[in-house]
Amino acid sequence: MKKQYTQSKTAFDKQTEKGCNPDDHKKWSRRSFLQTLGLAGGGSMMLANTPISVSRPSPLSVALNSVENDKILIICRLSGGNDGFNTIIPVYDYDTYANARPLIKIPPSEFITLNDDFAMAKSMNKLERLWGDGQMKVVHGVGYEDSSLSHFHGSDIWANTNLTEEDRTGWLGRYFQELYPDYIFNPPTSPPSIQIGSIGNLIFKGPENDFSFAVSDPRRLLQIAENGTSYGLDTLPDCTHGQQVKYLREVTNTTFTYADVISQAYENSTDFGGYLEDSLGRQLSIIARLIKGGLGTKVYMVTLGGFDTHSGQITRHQTLMNSFSEAVSTFYQDLQAAGWDDKVLTMTISEFGRRFKENGSLGTDHGTAAAAMFFGTGLQGSGFVGEHPDLSDLTRGGNVYNTNDFRQVYATVMQEWLCIPKDMVSQALLGTSFESLDLGFNCSGSIDPIDGEAIGHTVTYRNNQTYIHITTPSTAHTDITLYNIIGQKVATLRNEVLFEGSHEIDVKETAQTRLSTGQYVYRIETNGASYSRSLLIS
């Protein structure tokens, strides 16, 4: 039983004891109060001397936590604008590259050859093993048309995916707000998303709430996690002031709850060893422990800063990429030793690339497109995706044109890695749809092996109806159950022998019970195996 916190009364608490303010009659809502104070439904804590911010979850994330899809996404933010040309070197047009960068080019003697057309610098040598083991892919020329050259605006666009208007919401935050509005009062057992190393990124902000708030004293937070202490809610007066205090305490209790489960997961695992004692190494070391400890979080974001290389780029950039390659390589050794390497996908993002030509300060100025890197056994082989920008076709400012839209990268990861339905992906990307890139993984049909054969299952939406399509390789008894986002069984859709072939299930009609609009999860059990996926009821 949790202890109730009663010590150190605040001014708010002392005023409450005197009763409610007689002028306390204005219209007030939790939403407006949250906006006024800049609070939100997540929290932050310190773990291993590194700040961790807990982001507000969506029912989509909760649904993913509830199924057998144990895939995890790591977003690695290279803050400042990473130079893609000195990261992935265009060997196929080296003369053009070298002429544009006579003083900061990577010479052939410093190449790690990836194939006949591309190389990376020896400062990234720790990634050579991942490339050789089929655990690295590169998407060329990632960006967007009319790229912003501002750090702040560029970062916002990569977070909110809105190319035409100022938008203070993020692509994950829109999921959170739309699909799970009551999180603070009914939180899931583990945080579906965590950002570590930096807090408050726009990616996690919804249209109504800022999705992060901080607990300033990590010692207090760890004490809460260890002792199960929480703030009492029963003695507050029934008035606006009391509601405000209650809301703040509920928010705080949620943070304490997550501090508890995060700490438990951290303590359930052990250090792998081998990480450098630098920023990204510490971040990924902590994430590895949380993953191995069974936390259940689906999305993490880490940050490595310092990529605004206007001057002295050679040493600065190579030092950063050495840190990056060391951390990522050790991270996947850690995961591989624990059997998690095929379940964790890492992708890089940066607010923009660097200008193709060097400047007069041995550096590069703000540019447009750059390579995005992916890591993990789930990639099913190393390689390159898309066309490299034409180095002879530059904008007036001397920048290359992007060849892959960053939103298409997001859409691919959401649809094909996290297995999010395509229409929900489009909704998160402000109504825009994108075809998936070939990154080596695919959720279409969700083909899974059963005794050497395969069962296929997918979801479609027609005329406001939701359908599950199943392809069975042989006749077998099949049990299909529907669950809501908190894991409660709501209907049995099939409990019978299904013959070999294709089957379609109208979910709402078959459930024979009223299904509210929202997110659900179905589970198929047959031949001793089970398969799950989320779906949407409209």
Protein backbone atom coordinates (compact mmCIF):
# COMPACT_ATOMS: atom_id res chain seq x y z
CA MET A 1 0.00 0.00 0.00
CA LYS A 2 1.35 3.37 -0.98
CA LYS A 3 2.13 5.87 1.75
CA GLN A 4 0.47 9.27 1.60
CA TYR A 5 2.72 12.29 1.45
CA THR A 6 1.69 14.90 4.07
CA GLN A 7 4.90 16.74 4.96
CA SER A 8 6.15 20.12 3.68
CA LYS A 9 2.84 21.75 2.91
CA THR A 10 2.89 24.21 0.08
CA ALA A 11 1.24 27.61 0.05
CA PHE A 12 -1.43 26.00 -2.10
CA ASP A 13 -2.09 23.43 0.64
CA LYS A 14 -2.16 26.03 3.43
CA GLN A 15 -4.64 28.13 1.49
CA THR A 16 -6.79 25.05 0.93
CA GLU A 17 -7.09 24.48 4.67
CA LYS A 18 -8.72 27.91 4.96
CA GLY A 19 -11.40 26.95 2.48
CA CYS A 20 -12.10 28.01 -1.09
CA ASN A 21 -11.65 31.49 -2.44
CA PRO A 22 -15.10 33.19 -2.65
CA ASP A 23 -14.07 34.68 -6.00
CA ASP A 24 -13.28 31.22 -7.30
CA HIS A 25 -16.13 31.14 -9.80
CA LYS A 26 -14.45 31.43 -13.17
CA LYS A 27 -14.77 28.62 -15.66
CA TRP A 28 -11.79 26.30 -15.32
CA SER A 29 -10.79 23.05 -16.91
CA ARG A 30 -7.87 20.70 -16.46
CA ARG A 31 -6.90 21.41 -20.03
CA SER A 32 -6.77 25.18 -19.62
CA PHE A 33 -4.99 24.86 -16.29
CA LEU A 34 -2.41 22.58 -17.85
CA GLN A 35 -1.84 25.03 -20.70
CA THR A 36 -1.52 27.95 -18.30
CA LEU A 37 1.20 26.26 -16.26
CA GLY A 38 2.92 24.61 -19.20
CA LEU A 39 2.56 21.19 -17.63
CA ALA A 40 1.82 17.94 -19.40
CA GLY A 41 1.21 14.24 -19.03
CA GLY A 42 4.73 12.93 -18.86
CA GLY A 43 7.58 13.43 -16.49
CA SER A 44 11.33 13.49 -16.15
CA MET A 45 13.78 11.88 -13.78
CA MET A 46 17.51 11.25 -13.41
CA LEU A 47 18.90 7.78 -13.99
CA ALA A 48 22.63 7.09 -13.96
CA ASN A 49 23.21 10.86 -13.86
CA THR A 50 21.32 11.30 -17.14
CA PRO A 51 17.96 13.11 -17.48
CA ILE A 52 15.06 10.97 -18.66
CA SER A 53 11.76 12.45 -19.80
CA VAL A 54 8.62 10.32 -19.89
CA SER A 55 6.26 11.23 -22.72
CA ARG A 56 2.54 10.89 -22.66
CA PRO A 57 1.40 7.64 -24.33
CA SER A 58 -1.30 6.98 -26.91
CA PRO A 59 -3.64 4.02 -26.98
CA LEU A 60 -1.80 3.04 -30.12
CA SER A 61 1.36 2.67 -28.06
CA VAL A 62 -0.59 0.93 -25.31
CA ALA A 63 -2.05 -1.46 -27.86
CA LEU A 64 1.40 -2.22 -29.19
CA ASN A 65 2.51 -2.90 -25.62
CA SER A 66 -0.32 -5.40 -25.27
CA VAL A 67 0.49 -7.57 -28.28
CA GLU A 68 3.28 -9.93 -29.25
CA ASN A 69 4.85 -7.20 -31.39
CA ASP A 70 7.86 -6.45 -29.22
CA LYS A 71 9.57 -4.16 -31.72
CA ILE A 72 11.22 -1.02 -30.38
CA LEU A 73 12.21 2.19 -32.15
CA ILE A 74 15.19 4.34 -31.13
CA ILE A 75 15.25 7.84 -32.64
CA CYS A 76 18.80 9.22 -32.50
CA ARG A 77 18.78 12.98 -32.99
CA LEU A 78 22.01 14.44 -34.36
CA SER A 79 21.37 17.98 -33.18
CA GLY A 80 22.82 20.93 -35.05
CA GLY A 81 22.59 19.70 -38.63
CA ASN A 82 24.73 16.70 -39.54
CA ASP A 83 26.95 16.89 -42.62
CA GLY A 84 25.76 13.98 -44.75
CA PHE A 85 28.56 14.29 -47.33
CA ASN A 86 31.35 13.62 -44.82
CA THR A 87 29.23 10.93 -43.17
CA ILE A 88 28.51 8.88 -46.30
CA ILE A 89 31.14 9.85 -48.89
CA PRO A 90 30.06 9.85 -52.57
CA VAL A 91 32.98 7.88 -54.02
CA TYR A 92 31.18 7.53 -57.38
CA ASP A 93 31.61 11.31 -57.93
CA TYR A 94 34.63 11.91 -55.76
CA ASP A 95 36.17 14.60 -57.99
CA THR A 96 33.07 16.80 -57.71
CA TYR A 97 32.98 16.20 -53.95
CA ALA A 98 36.72 16.96 -53.53
CA ASN A 99 36.56 20.12 -55.63
CA ALA A 100 33.70 21.44 -53.50
CA ARG A 101 35.60 20.61 -50.28
CA PRO A 102 39.29 20.96 -50.98
CA LEU A 103 40.23 21.43 -47.30
CA ILE A 104 37.63 19.39 -45.42
CA LYS A 105 37.18 16.39 -47.73
CA ILE A 106 37.76 12.87 -46.46
CA PRO A 107 40.76 11.51 -48.45
CA PRO A 108 40.63 7.98 -49.91
CA SER A 109 43.27 6.88 -47.42
CA GLU A 110 40.69 7.47 -44.68
CA PHE A 111 37.88 5.50 -46.35
CA ILE A 112 35.99 2.53 -45.01
CA THR A 113 34.57 1.15 -48.24
CA LEU A 114 30.88 0.24 -48.11
CA ASN A 115 30.48 -0.57 -51.81
CA ASP A 116 31.82 0.68 -55.14
CA ASP A 117 29.94 3.97 -54.84
CA PHE A 118 30.07 4.97 -51.18
CA ALA A 119 32.37 4.96 -48.18
CA MET A 120 32.47 6.31 -44.64
CA ALA A 121 35.36 7.83 -42.71
CA LYS A 122 37.63 5.73 -40.51
CA SER A 123 36.39 7.76 -37.54
CA MET A 124 33.22 5.66 -37.89
CA ASN A 125 35.15 2.37 -37.92
CA LYS A 126 32.99 0.80 -35.21
CA LEU A 127 30.11 0.72 -37.69
CA GLU A 128 32.10 -1.44 -40.09
CA ARG A 129 31.10 -4.55 -38.16
CA LEU A 130 27.41 -3.61 -38.29
CA TRP A 131 27.66 -3.03 -42.03
CA GLY A 132 29.41 -6.35 -42.54
CA ASP A 133 26.84 -8.17 -40.41
CA GLY A 134 23.92 -6.78 -42.42
CA GLN A 135 22.72 -4.43 -39.68
CA MET A 136 23.03 -1.02 -41.36
CA LYS A 137 21.11 0.78 -44.09
CA VAL A 138 21.45 4.32 -45.44
CA VAL A 139 18.63 6.34 -46.97
CA HIS A 140 20.04 8.94 -49.35
CA GLY A 141 19.12 12.62 -49.55
CA VAL A 142 16.52 12.82 -46.76
CA GLY A 143 14.87 16.22 -46.42
CA TYR A 144 11.99 18.23 -47.87
CA GLU A 145 11.35 20.91 -50.49
CA ASP A 146 12.31 24.50 -49.69
CA SER A 147 14.19 23.37 -46.61
CA SER A 148 14.39 25.78 -43.69
CA LEU A 149 17.96 26.66 -42.83
CA SER A 150 17.03 27.63 -39.27
CA HIS A 151 17.90 25.33 -36.38
CA PHE A 152 14.68 26.12 -34.55
CA HIS A 153 12.28 26.12 -37.49
CA GLY A 154 14.02 23.15 -39.08
CA SER A 155 13.80 21.14 -35.86
CA ASP A 156 10.12 22.03 -35.57
CA ILE A 157 9.38 20.89 -39.12
CA TRP A 158 11.09 17.55 -38.58
CA ALA A 159 9.00 17.18 -35.42
CA ASN A 160 5.62 18.45 -36.63
CA THR A 161 5.88 17.42 -40.34
CA ASN A 162 4.02 20.60 -41.37
CA LEU A 163 5.83 22.21 -44.31
CA THR A 164 3.46 25.13 -44.88
CA GLU A 165 2.27 26.44 -41.52
CA GLU A 166 3.62 26.93 -38.03
CA ASP A 167 2.44 23.98 -36.00
CA ARG A 168 3.19 23.40 -32.33
CA THR A 169 2.30 19.71 -32.40
CA GLY A 170 4.42 16.67 -33.21
CA TRP A 171 3.75 13.55 -35.22
CA LEU A 172 3.81 11.33 -32.12
CA GLY A 173 2.10 13.95 -29.97
CA ARG A 174 -0.90 13.95 -32.32
CA TYR A 175 -1.30 10.23 -31.67
CA PHE A 176 -1.05 10.83 -27.97
CA GLN A 177 -3.66 13.59 -27.89
CA GLU A 178 -6.18 12.04 -30.24
CA LEU A 179 -6.05 8.45 -29.12
CA TYR A 180 -5.43 8.58 -25.38
CA PRO A 181 -6.79 11.78 -23.86
CA ASP A 182 -7.29 10.42 -20.32
CA TYR A 183 -3.77 9.23 -19.65
CA ILE A 184 -3.08 11.25 -16.50
CA PHE A 185 -6.04 9.70 -14.70
CA ASN A 186 -5.68 6.20 -16.12
CA PRO A 187 -2.01 5.65 -17.03
CA PRO A 188 -0.75 2.35 -18.46
CA THR A 189 1.66 0.27 -16.45
CA SER A 190 4.77 1.43 -18.33
CA PRO A 191 5.64 4.56 -20.33
CA PRO A 192 5.19 3.86 -24.06
CA SER A 193 7.73 6.54 -25.02
CA ILE A 194 10.79 8.02 -23.34
CA GLN A 195 13.24 10.70 -24.41
CA ILE A 196 16.57 10.68 -22.71
CA GLY A 197 19.39 13.20 -22.78
CA SER A 198 17.08 16.08 -23.69
CA ILE A 199 13.51 16.92 -22.78
CA GLY A 200 10.55 18.75 -24.26
CA ASN A 201 11.02 17.92 -27.95
CA LEU A 202 8.10 18.99 -30.13
CA ILE A 203 7.78 15.45 -31.49
CA PHE A 204 5.91 14.53 -28.31
CA LYS A 205 3.64 17.57 -28.09
CA GLY A 206 -0.07 17.26 -28.83
CA PRO A 207 -2.52 19.96 -29.95
CA GLU A 208 -3.78 20.60 -26.41
CA ASN A 209 -1.04 19.61 -23.99
CA ASP A 210 2.70 19.95 -23.58
CA PHE A 211 3.72 16.36 -23.05
CA SER A 212 6.51 16.76 -20.54
CA PHE A 213 6.98 18.03 -17.03
CA ALA A 214 9.96 17.83 -14.73
CA VAL A 215 10.71 16.75 -11.20
CA SER A 216 13.73 18.85 -10.32
CA ASP A 217 15.24 16.77 -7.53
CA PRO A 218 16.27 13.27 -8.67
CA ARG A 219 16.96 12.20 -5.10
CA ARG A 220 13.35 12.89 -4.21
CA LEU A 221 12.14 11.01 -7.29
CA LEU A 222 14.26 7.99 -6.53
CA GLN A 223 13.03 8.08 -2.94
CA ILE A 224 9.46 8.02 -4.25
CA ALA A 225 10.30 5.07 -6.51
CA GLU A 226 11.91 3.15 -3.66
CA ASN A 227 9.29 3.84 -1.00
CA GLY A 228 6.10 4.00 -3.06
CA THR A 229 5.19 7.38 -1.57
CA SER A 230 2.44 9.38 -3.24
CA TYR A 231 0.39 12.50 -2.62
CA GLY A 232 -3.03 12.08 -1.00
CA LEU A 233 -6.16 13.11 -2.94
CA ASP A 234 -8.97 12.50 -0.45
CA THR A 235 -8.77 15.58 1.80
CA LEU A 236 -8.99 18.33 -0.83
CA PRO A 237 -12.00 20.67 -0.88
CA ASP A 238 -14.58 20.44 -3.64
CA CYS A 239 -13.86 23.72 -5.40
CA THR A 240 -11.76 25.04 -8.24
CA HIS A 241 -8.68 25.47 -6.08
CA GLY A 242 -9.05 21.95 -4.74
CA GLN A 243 -9.46 20.64 -8.28
CA GLN A 244 -6.27 22.41 -9.31
CA VAL A 245 -4.29 20.94 -6.41
CA LYS A 246 -5.80 17.52 -7.09
CA TYR A 247 -4.81 17.73 -10.74
CA LEU A 248 -1.22 18.68 -9.93
CA ARG A 249 -0.99 15.83 -7.44
CA GLU A 250 -2.44 13.35 -9.95
CA VAL A 251 0.14 14.47 -12.51
CA THR A 252 2.92 14.11 -9.94
CA ASN A 253 1.68 10.69 -8.84
CA THR A 254 1.79 9.56 -12.47
CA THR A 255 5.42 10.59 -12.69
CA PHE A 256 6.21 8.73 -9.48
CA THR A 257 4.48 5.65 -10.90
CA TYR A 258 6.67 5.76 -13.98
CA ALA A 259 9.76 6.44 -11.89
CA ASP A 260 8.95 3.22 -10.07
CA VAL A 261 8.56 1.04 -13.15
CA ILE A 262 11.58 2.62 -14.86
CA SER A 263 13.72 2.02 -11.78
CA GLN A 264 12.47 -1.56 -11.50
CA ALA A 265 13.35 -2.28 -15.13
CA TYR A 266 16.76 -0.67 -14.68
CA GLU A 267 17.48 -2.74 -11.59
CA ASN A 268 16.20 -5.93 -13.29
CA SER A 269 19.13 -5.84 -15.73
CA THR A 270 22.88 -5.35 -15.56
CA ASP A 271 25.48 -3.20 -17.28
CA PHE A 272 27.01 -4.69 -20.40
CA GLY A 273 30.24 -2.75 -20.14
CA GLY A 274 32.27 -1.27 -22.96
CA TYR A 275 30.31 1.95 -23.43
CA LEU A 276 32.36 5.13 -23.54
CA GLU A 277 31.74 7.56 -20.71
CA ASP A 278 30.30 10.19 -23.01
CA SER A 279 26.81 11.56 -23.55
CA LEU A 280 25.46 9.15 -26.16
CA GLY A 281 27.18 6.16 -24.61
CA ARG A 282 25.47 6.83 -21.28
CA GLN A 283 22.10 7.36 -22.96
CA LEU A 284 22.20 4.12 -24.95
CA SER A 285 23.58 2.19 -21.98
CA ILE A 286 20.56 3.22 -19.92
CA ILE A 287 18.14 2.39 -22.73
CA ALA A 288 19.72 -1.05 -23.14
CA ARG A 289 19.18 -1.75 -19.45
CA LEU A 290 15.55 -0.62 -19.63
CA ILE A 291 14.92 -2.82 -22.68
CA LYS A 292 16.63 -5.84 -21.13
CA GLY A 293 14.81 -5.18 -17.85
CA GLY A 294 11.46 -5.61 -19.57
CA LEU A 295 10.17 -2.05 -19.33
CA GLY A 296 7.95 -2.47 -22.39
CA THR A 297 8.46 1.03 -23.79
CA LYS A 298 8.13 1.15 -27.60
CA VAL A 299 9.78 4.44 -28.59
CA TYR A 300 12.92 6.10 -27.23
CA MET A 301 14.69 9.25 -28.36
CA VAL A 302 18.33 10.07 -27.65
CA THR A 303 20.30 13.18 -28.61
CA LEU A 304 23.89 13.83 -29.61
CA GLY A 305 24.58 17.55 -30.03
CA GLY A 306 27.35 19.63 -31.56
CA PHE A 307 26.77 19.15 -35.30
CA ASP A 308 26.60 22.86 -36.17
CA THR A 309 30.05 22.72 -37.75
CA HIS A 310 30.54 26.18 -39.28
CA SER A 311 34.24 26.06 -38.47
CA GLY A 312 36.91 23.51 -37.67
CA GLN A 313 34.69 20.78 -39.03
CA ILE A 314 37.30 18.12 -39.71
CA THR A 315 38.17 17.43 -36.08
CA ARG A 316 34.77 18.31 -34.61
CA HIS A 317 32.72 16.16 -36.98
CA GLN A 318 35.02 13.18 -36.83
CA THR A 319 35.02 13.31 -33.03
CA LEU A 320 31.22 13.33 -33.01
CA MET A 321 30.93 10.49 -35.50
CA ASN A 322 33.47 8.46 -33.55
CA SER A 323 31.33 8.90 -30.44
CA PHE A 324 28.24 7.98 -32.44
CA SER A 325 29.76 4.86 -33.98
CA GLU A 326 31.22 3.69 -30.65
CA ALA A 327 27.87 4.09 -28.87
CA VAL A 328 25.73 2.45 -31.57
CA SER A 329 28.14 -0.45 -32.06
CA THR A 330 28.34 -1.18 -28.32
CA PHE A 331 24.57 -0.79 -28.01
CA TYR A 332 23.95 -3.55 -30.55
CA GLN A 333 26.61 -5.81 -29.02
CA ASP A 334 24.76 -5.31 -25.74
CA LEU A 335 21.39 -6.10 -27.32
CA GLN A 336 22.75 -9.08 -29.25
CA ALA A 337 24.15 -10.64 -26.09
CA ALA A 338 20.68 -10.39 -24.55
CA GLY A 339 18.79 -11.53 -27.67
CA TRP A 340 17.21 -8.16 -28.44
CA ASP A 341 19.12 -6.99 -31.52
CA ASP A 342 16.44 -8.12 -34.01
CA LYS A 343 13.72 -6.27 -32.11
CA VAL A 344 15.32 -2.82 -31.86
CA LEU A 345 15.56 -0.44 -34.83
CA THR A 346 17.65 2.73 -34.56
CA MET A 347 17.21 5.65 -36.96
CA THR A 348 19.00 9.01 -37.16
CA ILE A 349 17.36 12.38 -37.71
CA SER A 350 18.82 15.91 -37.94
CA GLU A 351 17.13 19.25 -38.56
CA PHE A 352 19.00 19.69 -41.86
CA GLY A 353 22.20 18.73 -43.65
CA ARG A 354 25.17 20.94 -44.46
CA ARG A 355 25.91 22.94 -47.61
CA PHE A 356 27.75 20.94 -50.25
CA LYS A 357 30.62 23.41 -50.62
CA GLU A 358 32.88 24.26 -47.69
CA ASN A 359 32.98 27.83 -46.34
CA GLY A 360 36.01 29.99 -45.55
CA SER A 361 36.32 28.76 -41.96
CA LEU A 362 37.11 25.10 -42.64
CA GLY A 363 33.47 24.26 -42.07
CA THR A 364 30.09 24.07 -43.78
CA ASP A 365 27.00 26.25 -43.48
CA HIS A 366 23.38 25.21 -43.04
CA GLY A 367 22.19 23.00 -45.87
CA THR A 368 19.33 20.81 -46.99
CA ALA A 369 19.29 17.04 -47.41
CA ALA A 370 21.50 14.45 -45.73
CA ALA A 371 21.73 10.70 -45.30
CA ALA A 372 19.63 8.99 -42.63
CA MET A 373 21.13 5.87 -41.08
CA PHE A 374 19.32 2.80 -39.77
CA PHE A 375 20.70 0.02 -37.57
CA GLY A 376 19.46 -3.36 -36.38
CA THR A 377 19.27 -7.03 -37.32
CA GLY A 378 15.68 -6.45 -38.43
CA LEU A 379 16.98 -4.64 -41.53
CA GLN A 380 17.78 -8.06 -43.03
CA GLY A 381 20.96 -6.86 -44.73
CA SER A 382 22.99 -3.72 -45.27
CA GLY A 383 22.59 -1.41 -48.24
CA PHE A 384 21.43 1.91 -49.64
CA VAL A 385 17.90 3.16 -50.26
CA GLY A 386 16.89 5.73 -52.86
CA GLU A 387 18.97 7.92 -55.15
CA HIS A 388 21.85 10.06 -53.97
CA PRO A 389 21.39 13.80 -54.69
CA ASP A 390 22.94 15.02 -57.94
CA LEU A 391 26.11 16.85 -56.90
CA SER A 392 26.10 18.88 -60.13
CA ASP A 393 22.53 20.11 -59.74
CA LEU A 394 22.52 22.62 -56.89
CA THR A 395 20.11 25.30 -55.70
CA ARG A 396 21.00 28.98 -55.88
CA GLY A 397 22.41 28.73 -52.40
CA GLY A 398 24.67 25.83 -53.34
CA ASN A 399 22.59 23.10 -51.76
CA VAL A 400 21.52 19.73 -53.15
CA TYR A 401 17.90 18.79 -53.74
CA ASN A 402 16.42 16.14 -51.47
CA THR A 403 15.64 12.79 -53.07
CA ASN A 404 13.66 11.24 -50.18
CA ASP A 405 11.02 13.02 -48.10
CA PHE A 406 11.65 12.65 -44.35
CA ARG A 407 7.93 12.05 -43.87
CA GLN A 408 8.18 9.00 -46.12
CA VAL A 409 10.88 7.70 -43.78
CA TYR A 410 8.56 8.26 -40.80
CA ALA A 411 5.66 6.58 -42.61
CA THR A 412 7.79 3.54 -43.45
CA VAL A 413 8.93 3.06 -39.87
CA MET A 414 5.43 3.52 -38.49
CA GLN A 415 3.76 1.19 -41.00
CA GLU A 416 6.37 -1.47 -41.55
CA TRP A 417 8.27 -1.59 -38.26
CA LEU A 418 5.71 -0.64 -35.62
CA CYS A 419 2.92 -2.12 -37.78
CA ILE A 420 0.61 0.88 -37.45
CA PRO A 421 -2.36 0.86 -39.89
CA LYS A 422 -1.76 3.03 -42.95
CA ASP A 423 -4.75 5.31 -42.37
CA MET A 424 -3.57 6.04 -38.84
CA VAL A 425 -0.10 6.85 -40.16
CA SER A 426 -1.63 9.28 -42.64
CA GLN A 427 -3.57 10.92 -39.82
CA ALA A 428 -0.40 11.42 -37.80
CA LEU A 429 1.30 12.95 -40.85
CA LEU A 430 -1.43 15.58 -41.26
CA GLY A 431 -3.44 13.68 -43.84
CA THR A 432 -0.58 12.92 -46.24
CA SER A 433 0.04 9.34 -47.39
CA PHE A 434 3.38 7.90 -48.45
CA GLU A 435 4.45 4.64 -50.02
CA SER A 436 6.85 2.65 -47.89
CA LEU A 437 10.56 2.57 -48.63
CA ASP A 438 12.26 -0.81 -48.84
CA LEU A 439 14.17 -0.94 -45.58
CA GLY A 440 14.17 -4.72 -45.34
CA PHE A 441 11.19 -5.22 -43.04
CA ASN A 442 7.52 -5.46 -43.90
CA CYS A 443 4.31 -5.73 -41.89
CA SER A 444 2.01 -6.30 -44.89
CA GLY A 445 0.14 -9.53 -44.34
CA SER A 446 2.10 -10.15 -41.15
CA ILE A 447 3.34 -13.52 -42.37
CA ASP A 448 4.49 -15.71 -39.51
CA PRO A 449 5.80 -19.29 -39.64
CA ILE A 450 3.77 -22.17 -38.25
CA ASP A 451 5.42 -25.59 -38.48
CA GLY A 452 7.13 -24.62 -41.72
CA GLU A 453 4.01 -22.97 -43.17
CA ALA A 454 2.64 -19.45 -42.74
CA ILE A 455 -0.51 -17.64 -41.68
CA GLY A 456 -1.30 -14.19 -43.02
CA HIS A 457 -3.40 -11.58 -41.24
CA THR A 458 -4.08 -7.94 -41.98
CA VAL A 459 -6.69 -5.22 -41.37
CA THR A 460 -8.67 -3.14 -43.88
CA TYR A 461 -11.27 -0.39 -43.51
CA ARG A 462 -14.31 0.06 -45.81
CA ASN A 463 -17.44 2.15 -45.37
CA ASN A 464 -16.76 2.79 -41.67
CA GLN A 465 -16.36 -0.93 -41.07
CA THR A 466 -13.25 -2.76 -39.88
CA TYR A 467 -12.29 -6.14 -41.36
CA ILE A 468 -9.69 -8.72 -40.36
CA HIS A 469 -8.40 -10.84 -43.26
CA ILE A 470 -6.81 -14.20 -42.49
CA THR A 471 -5.11 -16.64 -44.82
CA THR A 472 -4.69 -20.09 -43.30
CA PRO A 473 -2.26 -22.58 -44.87
CA SER A 474 -4.11 -25.60 -43.50
CA THR A 475 -7.30 -26.52 -41.69
CA ALA A 476 -6.97 -25.88 -37.96
CA HIS A 477 -8.92 -24.81 -34.90
CA THR A 478 -8.53 -21.05 -34.56
CA ASP A 479 -9.39 -18.76 -31.66
CA ILE A 480 -9.60 -15.01 -32.40
CA THR A 481 -10.18 -12.67 -29.47
CA LEU A 482 -10.67 -8.89 -29.37
CA TYR A 483 -9.24 -6.79 -26.53
CA ASN A 484 -9.54 -3.11 -25.64
CA ILE A 485 -6.49 -0.93 -25.10
CA ILE A 486 -6.20 -1.76 -21.41
CA GLY A 487 -6.11 -5.47 -22.12
CA GLN A 488 -9.71 -6.41 -21.26
CA LYS A 489 -11.36 -9.05 -23.42
CA VAL A 490 -14.39 -7.57 -25.18
CA ALA A 491 -15.40 -10.24 -27.71
CA THR A 492 -14.63 -13.65 -29.23
CA LEU A 493 -14.56 -13.24 -33.01
CA ARG A 494 -13.89 -16.89 -33.88
CA ASN A 495 -13.57 -20.10 -31.86
CA GLU A 496 -13.90 -22.81 -34.48
CA VAL A 497 -12.15 -24.82 -37.14
CA LEU A 498 -11.11 -22.65 -40.10
CA PHE A 499 -10.49 -24.41 -43.38
CA GLU A 500 -7.47 -23.74 -45.55
CA GLY A 501 -7.88 -20.52 -47.52
CA SER A 502 -8.93 -16.90 -47.01
CA HIS A 503 -11.36 -15.63 -44.39
CA GLU A 504 -12.79 -12.16 -43.75
CA ILE A 505 -14.20 -11.04 -40.41
CA ASP A 506 -16.42 -7.98 -40.02
CA VAL A 507 -15.28 -6.99 -36.52
CA LYS A 508 -18.26 -4.94 -35.36
CA GLU A 509 -20.82 -7.39 -36.75
CA THR A 510 -19.06 -10.45 -35.40
CA ALA A 511 -18.40 -9.01 -31.93
CA GLN A 512 -22.13 -8.94 -31.11
CA THR A 513 -21.54 -6.22 -28.56
CA ARG A 514 -21.32 -2.45 -28.75
CA LEU A 515 -17.78 -1.34 -29.62
CA SER A 516 -16.88 2.24 -28.84
CA THR A 517 -14.81 4.22 -31.31
CA GLY A 518 -11.12 3.77 -30.65
CA GLN A 519 -8.16 1.42 -30.62
CA TYR A 520 -8.39 -2.35 -30.07
CA VAL A 521 -6.12 -5.37 -30.37
CA TYR A 522 -6.99 -8.77 -31.80
CA ARG A 523 -5.19 -12.00 -30.94
CA ILE A 524 -5.13 -15.13 -33.12
CA GLU A 525 -4.27 -18.48 -31.52
CA THR A 526 -3.85 -21.53 -33.73
CA ASN A 527 -1.55 -24.53 -34.00
CA GLY A 528 0.14 -23.57 -30.74
CA ALA A 529 1.15 -20.13 -31.98
CA SER A 530 -0.31 -16.67 -31.42
CA TYR A 531 -0.35 -13.46 -33.48
CA SER A 532 -1.63 -9.99 -32.66
CA ARG A 533 -2.18 -6.61 -34.25
CA SER A 534 -3.91 -3.35 -33.38
CA LEU A 535 -6.98 -2.09 -35.25
CA LEU A 536 -9.26 0.93 -35.19
CA ILE A 537 -13.03 0.95 -34.73
CA SER A 538 -14.72 4.06 -36.15
